[in-house]
Amino acid sequence: MFPYPAAVLAAGGITTRQDLEAVAGLKGRGVAGALIGRAFYTGDITLPQALATATAPTTGRRPSR
């Protein structure tokens, strides 16, 4: 369990599905979700893509950034 009493939402800079996959890889480390704004508006990430990424099993690896 994450050592803090609150969950974290990733926000800002999530512009591609790869960014969303990196955030999804942080499940279990305190990251509870991601806020996606402009990427939805521009169509860079679609709702079906976001939902598929959020529900896919993760590798447990940290993002490379």
Protein backbone atom coordinates (compact mmCIF):
# COMPACT_ATOMS: atom_id res chain seq x y z
CA MET A 1 0.00 0.00 0.00
CA PHE A 2 1.12 3.53 -0.67
CA PRO A 3 2.34 5.29 2.49
CA TYR A 4 0.05 8.31 2.07
CA PRO A 5 -3.60 8.44 3.18
CA ALA A 6 -4.86 9.88 -0.13
CA ALA A 7 -4.80 8.62 -3.68
CA VAL A 8 -3.01 10.60 -6.37
CA LEU A 9 -4.48 11.69 -9.71
CA ALA A 10 -2.04 12.28 -12.54
CA ALA A 11 -2.87 15.48 -14.39
CA GLY A 12 -1.22 17.53 -17.08
CA GLY A 13 0.91 16.30 -19.92
CA ILE A 14 -1.13 13.21 -20.73
CA THR A 15 -1.34 13.69 -24.48
CA THR A 16 -0.88 10.20 -25.93
CA ARG A 17 -1.95 6.67 -25.22
CA GLN A 18 1.66 5.93 -24.26
CA ASP A 19 1.46 8.61 -21.56
CA LEU A 20 -1.72 7.00 -20.28
CA GLU A 21 -0.05 3.57 -20.30
CA ALA A 22 2.82 5.00 -18.23
CA VAL A 23 0.36 6.29 -15.65
CA ALA A 24 -1.52 2.98 -15.67
CA GLY A 25 1.79 1.30 -14.85
CA LEU A 26 1.73 3.17 -11.53
CA LYS A 27 -1.38 1.36 -10.26
CA GLY A 28 -0.69 0.03 -6.81
CA ARG A 29 1.81 2.79 -6.12
CA GLY A 30 -0.81 5.31 -5.03
CA VAL A 31 -1.89 6.60 -8.43
CA ALA A 32 -5.65 6.17 -8.64
CA GLY A 33 -6.35 7.78 -11.99
CA ALA A 34 -5.54 10.33 -14.64
CA LEU A 35 -7.17 13.52 -15.81
CA ILE A 36 -7.29 13.76 -19.57
CA GLY A 37 -8.47 17.01 -21.10
CA ARG A 38 -7.13 18.33 -24.36
CA ALA A 39 -6.23 14.86 -25.64
CA PHE A 40 -9.94 13.97 -25.60
CA TYR A 41 -10.88 17.24 -27.25
CA THR A 42 -8.32 16.84 -30.04
CA GLY A 43 -9.03 13.14 -30.51
CA ASP A 44 -5.48 12.08 -29.64
CA ILE A 45 -6.99 9.74 -27.03
CA THR A 46 -10.50 8.36 -27.42
CA LEU A 47 -12.72 7.23 -24.57
CA PRO A 48 -12.57 3.57 -25.69
CA GLN A 49 -8.74 3.77 -25.78
CA ALA A 50 -8.63 5.34 -22.33
CA LEU A 51 -10.96 2.73 -20.85
CA ALA A 52 -9.05 -0.13 -22.47
CA THR A 53 -5.76 1.23 -21.15
CA ALA A 54 -7.14 1.78 -17.66
CA THR A 55 -8.53 -1.75 -17.39
CA ALA A 56 -5.62 -3.60 -19.03
CA PRO A 57 -3.27 -5.58 -16.82
CA THR A 58 -0.06 -3.69 -16.07
CA THR A 59 3.48 -4.99 -16.18
CA GLY A 60 4.39 -3.34 -12.90
CA ARG A 61 7.30 -1.56 -14.59
CA ARG A 62 7.96 2.08 -13.93
CA PRO A 63 7.60 4.54 -16.79
CA SER A 64 10.83 5.26 -18.64
CA ARG A 65 10.58 9.01 -18.14
